[in-house]
């Protein structure tokens, strides 16, 4: 039986999401993503301190708390992305 991944809006704030669930995939542009930029931009913003740092869940798994991403999205909507 196939299980679908819940959409970002259905996840609790304590859940974790990986990069592929946050940014758009150029190979599948029809799949919506909560963040309007590419993986490279995501990591650049993390490095510059403009986006929350992810948590290292294991040696090969890095993910963001949904609550942190939602807080960033709210702040970006209130203040404009360039100031966040």
PDB file of N, CA and C in Angstrom:
ATOM      1  N   UNK A   1       0.842  -1.177   0.000  1.00  0.00           N
ATOM      2  CA  UNK A   1       0.000   0.000   0.000  1.00  0.00           C
ATOM      3  C   UNK A   1       0.890   1.244   0.000  1.00  0.00           C
ATOM      4  N   UNK A   2       0.594   2.166  -0.856  1.00  0.00           N
ATOM      5  CA  UNK A   2       1.363   3.393  -0.973  1.00  0.00           C
ATOM      6  C   UNK A   2       0.889   4.423   0.048  1.00  0.00           C
ATOM      7  N   UNK A   3       1.840   5.014   0.757  1.00  0.00           N
ATOM      8  CA  UNK A   3       1.507   6.074   1.707  1.00  0.00           C
ATOM      9  C   UNK A   3       1.967   7.398   1.120  1.00  0.00           C
ATOM     10  N   UNK A   4       1.099   8.380   1.158  1.00  0.00           N
ATOM     11  CA  UNK A   4       1.501   9.685   0.650  1.00  0.00           C
ATOM     12  C   UNK A   4       2.107  10.508   1.780  1.00  0.00           C
ATOM     13  N   UNK A   5       3.014  11.372   1.407  1.00  0.00           N
ATOM     14  CA  UNK A   5       3.644  12.265   2.372  1.00  0.00           C
ATOM     15  C   UNK A   5       2.681  13.414   2.623  1.00  0.00           C
ATOM     16  N   UNK A   6       2.408  13.740   3.898  1.00  0.00           N
ATOM     17  CA  UNK A   6       1.492  14.854   4.173  1.00  0.00           C
ATOM     18  C   UNK A   6       2.052  16.161   3.616  1.00  0.00           C
ATOM     19  N   UNK A   7       1.163  17.036   3.221  1.00  0.00           N
ATOM     20  CA  UNK A   7       1.627  18.328   2.721  1.00  0.00           C
ATOM     21  C   UNK A   7       2.195  19.140   3.882  1.00  0.00           C
ATOM     22  N   UNK A   8       2.990  20.123   3.542  1.00  0.00           N
ATOM     23  CA  UNK A   8       3.632  20.973   4.540  1.00  0.00           C
ATOM     24  C   UNK A   8       2.605  21.574   5.495  1.00  0.00           C
ATOM     25  N   UNK A   9       1.466  21.989   4.958  1.00  0.00           N
ATOM     26  CA  UNK A   9       0.426  22.624   5.772  1.00  0.00           C
ATOM     27  C   UNK A   9      -0.202  21.676   6.785  1.00  0.00           C
ATOM     28  N   UNK A  10      -0.117  20.388   6.555  1.00  0.00           N
ATOM     29  CA  UNK A  10      -0.719  19.403   7.451  1.00  0.00           C
ATOM     30  C   UNK A  10       0.234  18.924   8.544  1.00  0.00           C
ATOM     31  N   UNK A  11       1.491  19.262   8.452  1.00  0.00           N
ATOM     32  CA  UNK A  11       2.480  18.785   9.418  1.00  0.00           C
ATOM     33  C   UNK A  11       2.441  19.610  10.703  1.00  0.00           C
ATOM     34  N   UNK A  12       2.700  18.977  11.849  1.00  0.00           N
ATOM     35  CA  UNK A  12       2.793  19.737  13.101  1.00  0.00           C
ATOM     36  C   UNK A  12       4.089  20.543  13.135  1.00  0.00           C
ATOM     37  N   UNK A  13       4.122  21.591  13.941  1.00  0.00           N
ATOM     38  CA  UNK A  13       5.321  22.431  14.043  1.00  0.00           C
ATOM     39  C   UNK A  13       6.556  21.657  14.488  1.00  0.00           C
ATOM     40  N   UNK A  14       6.381  20.594  15.244  1.00  0.00           N
ATOM     41  CA  UNK A  14       7.515  19.818  15.746  1.00  0.00           C
ATOM     42  C   UNK A  14       8.073  18.841  14.714  1.00  0.00           C
ATOM     43  N   UNK A  15       7.400  18.685  13.588  1.00  0.00           N
ATOM     44  CA  UNK A  15       7.863  17.755  12.551  1.00  0.00           C
ATOM     45  C   UNK A  15       9.113  18.309  11.873  1.00  0.00           C
ATOM     46  N   UNK A  16       9.829  17.429  11.213  1.00  0.00           N
ATOM     47  CA  UNK A  16      11.012  17.819  10.450  1.00  0.00           C
ATOM     48  C   UNK A  16      10.752  17.608   8.967  1.00  0.00           C
ATOM     49  N   UNK A  17      11.297  18.503   8.143  1.00  0.00           N
ATOM     50  CA  UNK A  17      11.209  18.368   6.690  1.00  0.00           C
ATOM     51  C   UNK A  17      12.605  18.502   6.100  1.00  0.00           C
ATOM     52  N   UNK A  18      12.822  17.770   5.033  1.00  0.00           N
ATOM     53  CA  UNK A  18      14.112  17.816   4.356  1.00  0.00           C
ATOM     54  C   UNK A  18      14.055  18.789   3.183  1.00  0.00           C
ATOM     55  N   UNK A  19      15.203  19.051   2.628  1.00  0.00           N
ATOM     56  CA  UNK A  19      15.318  20.021   1.535  1.00  0.00           C
ATOM     57  C   UNK A  19      14.317  19.761   0.412  1.00  0.00           C
ATOM     58  N   UNK A  20      14.173  18.520   0.010  1.00  0.00           N
ATOM     59  CA  UNK A  20      13.289  18.183  -1.113  1.00  0.00           C
ATOM     60  C   UNK A  20      11.832  18.535  -0.842  1.00  0.00           C
ATOM     61  N   UNK A  21      11.454  18.628   0.433  1.00  0.00           N
ATOM     62  CA  UNK A  21      10.082  18.987   0.787  1.00  0.00           C
ATOM     63  C   UNK A  21       9.898  20.498   0.905  1.00  0.00           C
ATOM     64  N   UNK A  22      10.990  21.245   0.873  1.00  0.00           N
ATOM     65  CA  UNK A  22      10.926  22.695   1.071  1.00  0.00           C
ATOM     66  C   UNK A  22      11.022  23.505  -0.212  1.00  0.00           C
ATOM     67  N   UNK A  23      11.866  23.086  -1.126  1.00  0.00           N
ATOM     68  CA  UNK A  23      12.137  23.895  -2.318  1.00  0.00           C
ATOM     69  C   UNK A  23      11.597  23.227  -3.572  1.00  0.00           C
ATOM     70  N   UNK A  24      11.422  24.029  -4.592  1.00  0.00           N
ATOM     71  CA  UNK A  24      10.864  23.495  -5.829  1.00  0.00           C
ATOM     72  C   UNK A  24      11.872  22.606  -6.552  1.00  0.00           C
ATOM     73  N   UNK A  25      11.335  21.624  -7.226  1.00  0.00           N
ATOM     74  CA  UNK A  25      12.138  20.687  -7.993  1.00  0.00           C
ATOM     75  C   UNK A  25      11.977  21.046  -9.465  1.00  0.00           C
ATOM     76  N   UNK A  26      13.059  21.433 -10.118  1.00  0.00           N
ATOM     77  CA  UNK A  26      12.962  21.864 -11.518  1.00  0.00           C
ATOM     78  C   UNK A  26      12.513  20.729 -12.435  1.00  0.00           C
ATOM     79  N   UNK A  27      12.668  19.499 -12.002  1.00  0.00           N
ATOM     80  CA  UNK A  27      12.211  18.362 -12.810  1.00  0.00           C
ATOM     81  C   UNK A  27      10.722  18.090 -12.634  1.00  0.00           C
ATOM     82  N   UNK A  28      10.161  18.596 -11.545  1.00  0.00           N
ATOM     83  CA  UNK A  28       8.729  18.411 -11.277  1.00  0.00           C
ATOM     84  C   UNK A  28       8.121  19.742 -10.837  1.00  0.00           C
ATOM     85  N   UNK A  29       8.058  20.709 -11.735  1.00  0.00           N
ATOM     86  CA  UNK A  29       7.569  22.045 -11.361  1.00  0.00           C
ATOM     87  C   UNK A  29       6.103  22.077 -10.946  1.00  0.00           C
ATOM     88  N   UNK A  30       5.350  21.040 -11.273  1.00  0.00           N
ATOM     89  CA  UNK A  30       3.932  21.009 -10.895  1.00  0.00           C
ATOM     90  C   UNK A  30       3.733  20.698  -9.413  1.00  0.00           C
ATOM     91  N   UNK A  31       4.774  20.201  -8.746  1.00  0.00           N
ATOM     92  CA  UNK A  31       4.679  19.881  -7.322  1.00  0.00           C
ATOM     93  C   UNK A  31       4.921  21.161  -6.524  1.00  0.00           C
ATOM     94  N   UNK A  32       3.947  21.590  -5.721  1.00  0.00           N
ATOM     95  CA  UNK A  32       4.126  22.832  -4.958  1.00  0.00           C
ATOM     96  C   UNK A  32       5.172  22.675  -3.852  1.00  0.00           C
ATOM     97  N   UNK A  33       5.827  23.768  -3.534  1.00  0.00           N
ATOM     98  CA  UNK A  33       6.822  23.788  -2.462  1.00  0.00           C
ATOM     99  C   UNK A  33       6.595  25.042  -1.625  1.00  0.00           C
ATOM    100  N   UNK A  34       6.812  24.948  -0.312  1.00  0.00           N
ATOM    101  CA  UNK A  34       6.581  26.114   0.546  1.00  0.00           C
ATOM    102  C   UNK A  34       7.544  27.276   0.292  1.00  0.00           C
ATOM    103  N   UNK A  35       8.756  26.986  -0.186  1.00  0.00           N
ATOM    104  CA  UNK A  35       9.734  28.047  -0.407  1.00  0.00           C
ATOM    105  C   UNK A  35       9.880  28.322  -1.899  1.00  0.00           C
ATOM    106  N   UNK A  36       9.912  29.596  -2.276  1.00  0.00           N
ATOM    107  CA  UNK A  36       9.921  29.961  -3.693  1.00  0.00           C
ATOM    108  C   UNK A  36      11.311  30.065  -4.312  1.00  0.00           C
ATOM    109  N   UNK A  37      12.258  29.279  -3.823  1.00  0.00           N
ATOM    110  CA  UNK A  37      13.596  29.369  -4.390  1.00  0.00           C
ATOM    111  C   UNK A  37      14.243  27.998  -4.517  1.00  0.00           C
ATOM    112  N   UNK A  38      15.426  27.973  -5.110  1.00  0.00           N
ATOM    113  CA  UNK A  38      16.140  26.736  -5.425  1.00  0.00           C
ATOM    114  C   UNK A  38      16.913  26.215  -4.215  1.00  0.00           C
ATOM    115  N   UNK A  39      17.384  24.966  -4.282  1.00  0.00           N
ATOM    116  CA  UNK A  39      18.219  24.433  -3.203  1.00  0.00           C
ATOM    117  C   UNK A  39      19.473  25.277  -2.962  1.00  0.00           C
ATOM    118  N   UNK A  40      20.098  25.756  -4.032  1.00  0.00           N
ATOM    119  CA  UNK A  40      21.308  26.567  -3.869  1.00  0.00           C
ATOM    120  C   UNK A  40      21.011  27.849  -3.094  1.00  0.00           C
ATOM    121  N   UNK A  41      19.895  28.478  -3.388  1.00  0.00           N
ATOM    122  CA  UNK A  41      19.506  29.693  -2.669  1.00  0.00           C
ATOM    123  C   UNK A  41      19.184  29.381  -1.217  1.00  0.00           C
ATOM    124  N   UNK A  42      18.532  28.265  -0.964  1.00  0.00           N
ATOM    125  CA  UNK A  42      18.241  27.849   0.413  1.00  0.00           C
ATOM    126  C   UNK A  42      19.528  27.776   1.222  1.00  0.00           C
ATOM    127  N   UNK A  43      20.526  27.065   0.714  1.00  0.00           N
ATOM    128  CA  UNK A  43      21.779  26.898   1.450  1.00  0.00           C
ATOM    129  C   UNK A  43      22.557  28.204   1.562  1.00  0.00           C
ATOM    130  N   UNK A  44      22.474  29.051   0.548  1.00  0.00           N
ATOM    131  CA  UNK A  44      23.132  30.363   0.628  1.00  0.00           C
ATOM    132  C   UNK A  44      22.504  31.194   1.744  1.00  0.00           C
ATOM    133  N   UNK A  45      21.176  31.153   1.839  1.00  0.00           N
ATOM    134  CA  UNK A  45      20.482  31.913   2.878  1.00  0.00           C
ATOM    135  C   UNK A  45      20.793  31.364   4.270  1.00  0.00           C
ATOM    136  N   UNK A  46      20.922  30.051   4.395  1.00  0.00           N
ATOM    137  CA  UNK A  46      21.314  29.452   5.679  1.00  0.00           C
ATOM    138  C   UNK A  46      22.704  29.953   6.058  1.00  0.00           C
ATOM    139  N   UNK A  47      23.626  29.903   5.110  1.00  0.00           N
ATOM    140  CA  UNK A  47      25.006  30.328   5.363  1.00  0.00           C
ATOM    141  C   UNK A  47      25.083  31.795   5.784  1.00  0.00           C
ATOM    142  N   UNK A  48      24.233  32.635   5.180  1.00  0.00           N
ATOM    143  CA  UNK A  48      24.222  34.064   5.500  1.00  0.00           C
ATOM    144  C   UNK A  48      23.420  34.394   6.758  1.00  0.00           C
ATOM    145  N   UNK A  49      22.772  33.384   7.342  1.00  0.00           N
ATOM    146  CA  UNK A  49      21.967  33.609   8.538  1.00  0.00           C
ATOM    147  C   UNK A  49      20.598  34.190   8.243  1.00  0.00           C
ATOM    148  N   UNK A  50      20.150  34.113   7.002  1.00  0.00           N
ATOM    149  CA  UNK A  50      18.847  34.658   6.613  1.00  0.00           C
ATOM    150  C   UNK A  50      17.740  33.612   6.619  1.00  0.00           C
ATOM    151  N   UNK A  51      18.085  32.372   6.898  1.00  0.00           N
ATOM    152  CA  UNK A  51      17.109  31.286   6.981  1.00  0.00           C
ATOM    153  C   UNK A  51      17.555  30.392   8.130  1.00  0.00           C
ATOM    154  N   UNK A  52      16.615  29.780   8.864  1.00  0.00           N
ATOM    155  CA  UNK A  52      16.989  28.950  10.016  1.00  0.00           C
ATOM    156  C   UNK A  52      17.954  27.829   9.633  1.00  0.00           C
ATOM    157  N   UNK A  53      18.871  27.547  10.531  1.00  0.00           N
ATOM    158  CA  UNK A  53      19.795  26.436  10.312  1.00  0.00           C
ATOM    159  C   UNK A  53      19.051  25.124  10.508  1.00  0.00           C
ATOM    160  N   UNK A  54      19.399  24.126   9.703  1.00  0.00           N
ATOM    161  CA  UNK A  54      18.759  22.820   9.865  1.00  0.00           C
ATOM    162  C   UNK A  54      19.367  22.062  11.037  1.00  0.00           C
ATOM    163  N   UNK A  55      18.706  20.992  11.411  1.00  0.00           N
ATOM    164  CA  UNK A  55      19.214  20.082  12.438  1.00  0.00           C
ATOM    165  C   UNK A  55      19.837  18.885  11.747  1.00  0.00           C
ATOM    166  N   UNK A  56      20.917  18.403  12.297  1.00  0.00           N
ATOM    167  CA  UNK A  56      21.564  17.205  11.778  1.00  0.00           C
ATOM    168  C   UNK A  56      20.962  16.028  12.533  1.00  0.00           C
ATOM    169  N   UNK A  57      20.085  15.267  11.886  1.00  0.00           N
ATOM    170  CA  UNK A  57      19.391  14.161  12.541  1.00  0.00           C
ATOM    171  C   UNK A  57      20.235  12.896  12.566  1.00  0.00           C
ATOM    172  N   UNK A  58      21.143  12.768  11.628  1.00  0.00           N
ATOM    173  CA  UNK A  58      22.105  11.661  11.596  1.00  0.00           C
ATOM    174  C   UNK A  58      23.242  12.094  10.678  1.00  0.00           C
ATOM    175  N   UNK A  59      24.192  11.210  10.448  1.00  0.00           N
ATOM    176  CA  UNK A  59      25.325  11.569   9.595  1.00  0.00           C
ATOM    177  C   UNK A  59      24.900  12.020   8.202  1.00  0.00           C
ATOM    178  N   UNK A  60      23.822  11.440   7.697  1.00  0.00           N
ATOM    179  CA  UNK A  60      23.423  11.725   6.324  1.00  0.00           C
ATOM    180  C   UNK A  60      22.052  12.383   6.198  1.00  0.00           C
ATOM    181  N   UNK A  61      21.472  12.785   7.317  1.00  0.00           N
ATOM    182  CA  UNK A  61      20.129  13.377   7.279  1.00  0.00           C
ATOM    183  C   UNK A  61      20.133  14.747   7.950  1.00  0.00           C
ATOM    184  N   UNK A  62      19.791  15.754   7.170  1.00  0.00           N
ATOM    185  CA  UNK A  62      19.668  17.126   7.644  1.00  0.00           C
ATOM    186  C   UNK A  62      18.236  17.570   7.373  1.00  0.00           C
ATOM    187  N   UNK A  63      17.612  18.206   8.367  1.00  0.00           N
ATOM    188  CA  UNK A  63      16.211  18.603   8.203  1.00  0.00           C
ATOM    189  C   UNK A  63      15.914  19.855   9.022  1.00  0.00           C
ATOM    190  N   UNK A  64      14.845  20.519   8.641  1.00  0.00           N
ATOM    191  CA  UNK A  64      14.390  21.731   9.328  1.00  0.00           C
ATOM    192  C   UNK A  64      13.120  21.437  10.102  1.00  0.00           C
ATOM    193  N   UNK A  65      12.966  22.082  11.258  1.00  0.00           N
ATOM    194  CA  UNK A  65      11.703  21.997  11.995  1.00  0.00           C
ATOM    195  C   UNK A  65      10.653  22.800  11.236  1.00  0.00           C
ATOM    196  N   UNK A  66       9.495  22.218  11.071  1.00  0.00           N
ATOM    197  CA  UNK A  66       8.402  22.880  10.359  1.00  0.00           C
ATOM    198  C   UNK A  66       8.065  24.211  11.030  1.00  0.00           C
ATOM    199  N   UNK A  67       8.053  24.244  12.353  1.00  0.00           N
ATOM    200  CA  UNK A  67       7.745  25.478  13.074  1.00  0.00           C
ATOM    201  C   UNK A  67       8.724  26.597  12.758  1.00  0.00           C
ATOM    202  N   UNK A  68      10.014  26.270  12.616  1.00  0.00           N
ATOM    203  CA  UNK A  68      11.021  27.277  12.269  1.00  0.00           C
ATOM    204  C   UNK A  68      10.784  27.829  10.863  1.00  0.00           C
ATOM    205  N   UNK A  69      10.440  26.939   9.939  1.00  0.00           N
ATOM    206  CA  UNK A  69      10.179  27.367   8.561  1.00  0.00           C
ATOM    207  C   UNK A  69       8.926  28.241   8.512  1.00  0.00           C
ATOM    208  N   UNK A  70       7.891  27.836   9.235  1.00  0.00           N
ATOM    209  CA  UNK A  70       6.659  28.645   9.257  1.00  0.00           C
ATOM    210  C   UNK A  70       6.915  30.027   9.854  1.00  0.00           C
ATOM    211  N   UNK A  71       7.712  30.087  10.910  1.00  0.00           N
ATOM    212  CA  UNK A  71       8.035  31.380  11.521  1.00  0.00           C
ATOM    213  C   UNK A  71       8.786  32.263  10.521  1.00  0.00           C
ATOM    214  N   UNK A  72       9.715  31.680   9.771  1.00  0.00           N
ATOM    215  CA  UNK A  72      10.441  32.440   8.760  1.00  0.00           C
ATOM    216  C   UNK A  72       9.485  32.935   7.677  1.00  0.00           C
ATOM    217  N   UNK A  73       8.571  32.071   7.233  1.00  0.00           N
ATOM    218  CA  UNK A  73       7.602  32.466   6.211  1.00  0.00           C
ATOM    219  C   UNK A  73       6.719  33.617   6.695  1.00  0.00           C
ATOM    220  N   UNK A  74       6.285  33.564   7.967  1.00  0.00           N
ATOM    221  CA  UNK A  74       5.476  34.658   8.526  1.00  0.00           C
ATOM    222  C   UNK A  74       6.274  35.958   8.545  1.00  0.00           C
ATOM    223  N   UNK A  75       7.522  35.880   9.019  1.00  0.00           N
ATOM    224  CA  UNK A  75       8.367  37.075   9.079  1.00  0.00           C
ATOM    225  C   UNK A  75       8.629  37.629   7.682  1.00  0.00           C
ATOM    226  N   UNK A  76       8.849  36.752   6.720  1.00  0.00           N
ATOM    227  CA  UNK A  76       9.089  37.197   5.342  1.00  0.00           C
ATOM    228  C   UNK A  76       7.855  37.894   4.780  1.00  0.00           C
ATOM    229  N   UNK A  77       6.683  37.384   5.106  1.00  0.00           N
ATOM    230  CA  UNK A  77       5.440  37.997   4.625  1.00  0.00           C
ATOM    231  C   UNK A  77       5.215  39.363   5.274  1.00  0.00           C
ATOM    232  N   UNK A  78       5.584  39.494   6.546  1.00  0.00           N
ATOM    233  CA  UNK A  78       5.372  40.753   7.266  1.00  0.00           C
ATOM    234  C   UNK A  78       6.391  41.824   6.895  1.00  0.00           C
ATOM    235  N   UNK A  79       7.636  41.433   6.701  1.00  0.00           N
ATOM    236  CA  UNK A  79       8.716  42.405   6.529  1.00  0.00           C
ATOM    237  C   UNK A  79       9.300  42.445   5.125  1.00  0.00           C
ATOM    238  N   UNK A  80       8.883  41.571   4.282  1.00  0.00           N
ATOM    239  CA  UNK A  80       9.477  41.498   2.947  1.00  0.00           C
ATOM    240  C   UNK A  80      10.689  40.595   2.977  1.00  0.00           C
ATOM    241  N   UNK A  81      10.844  39.762   1.973  1.00  0.00           N
ATOM    242  CA  UNK A  81      11.917  38.764   1.953  1.00  0.00           C
ATOM    243  C   UNK A  81      13.304  39.366   2.049  1.00  0.00           C
ATOM    244  N   UNK A  82      13.527  40.521   1.477  1.00  0.00           N
ATOM    245  CA  UNK A  82      14.869  41.093   1.458  1.00  0.00           C
ATOM    246  C   UNK A  82      15.369  41.470   2.844  1.00  0.00           C
ATOM    247  N   UNK A  83      14.464  41.683   3.777  1.00  0.00           N
ATOM    248  CA  UNK A  83      14.875  42.080   5.121  1.00  0.00           C
ATOM    249  C   UNK A  83      14.996  40.904   6.067  1.00  0.00           C
ATOM    250  N   UNK A  84      14.536  39.728   5.673  1.00  0.00           N
ATOM    251  CA  UNK A  84      14.558  38.561   6.565  1.00  0.00           C
ATOM    252  C   UNK A  84      15.884  37.887   6.482  1.00  0.00           C
TER     253      UNK A  84
END
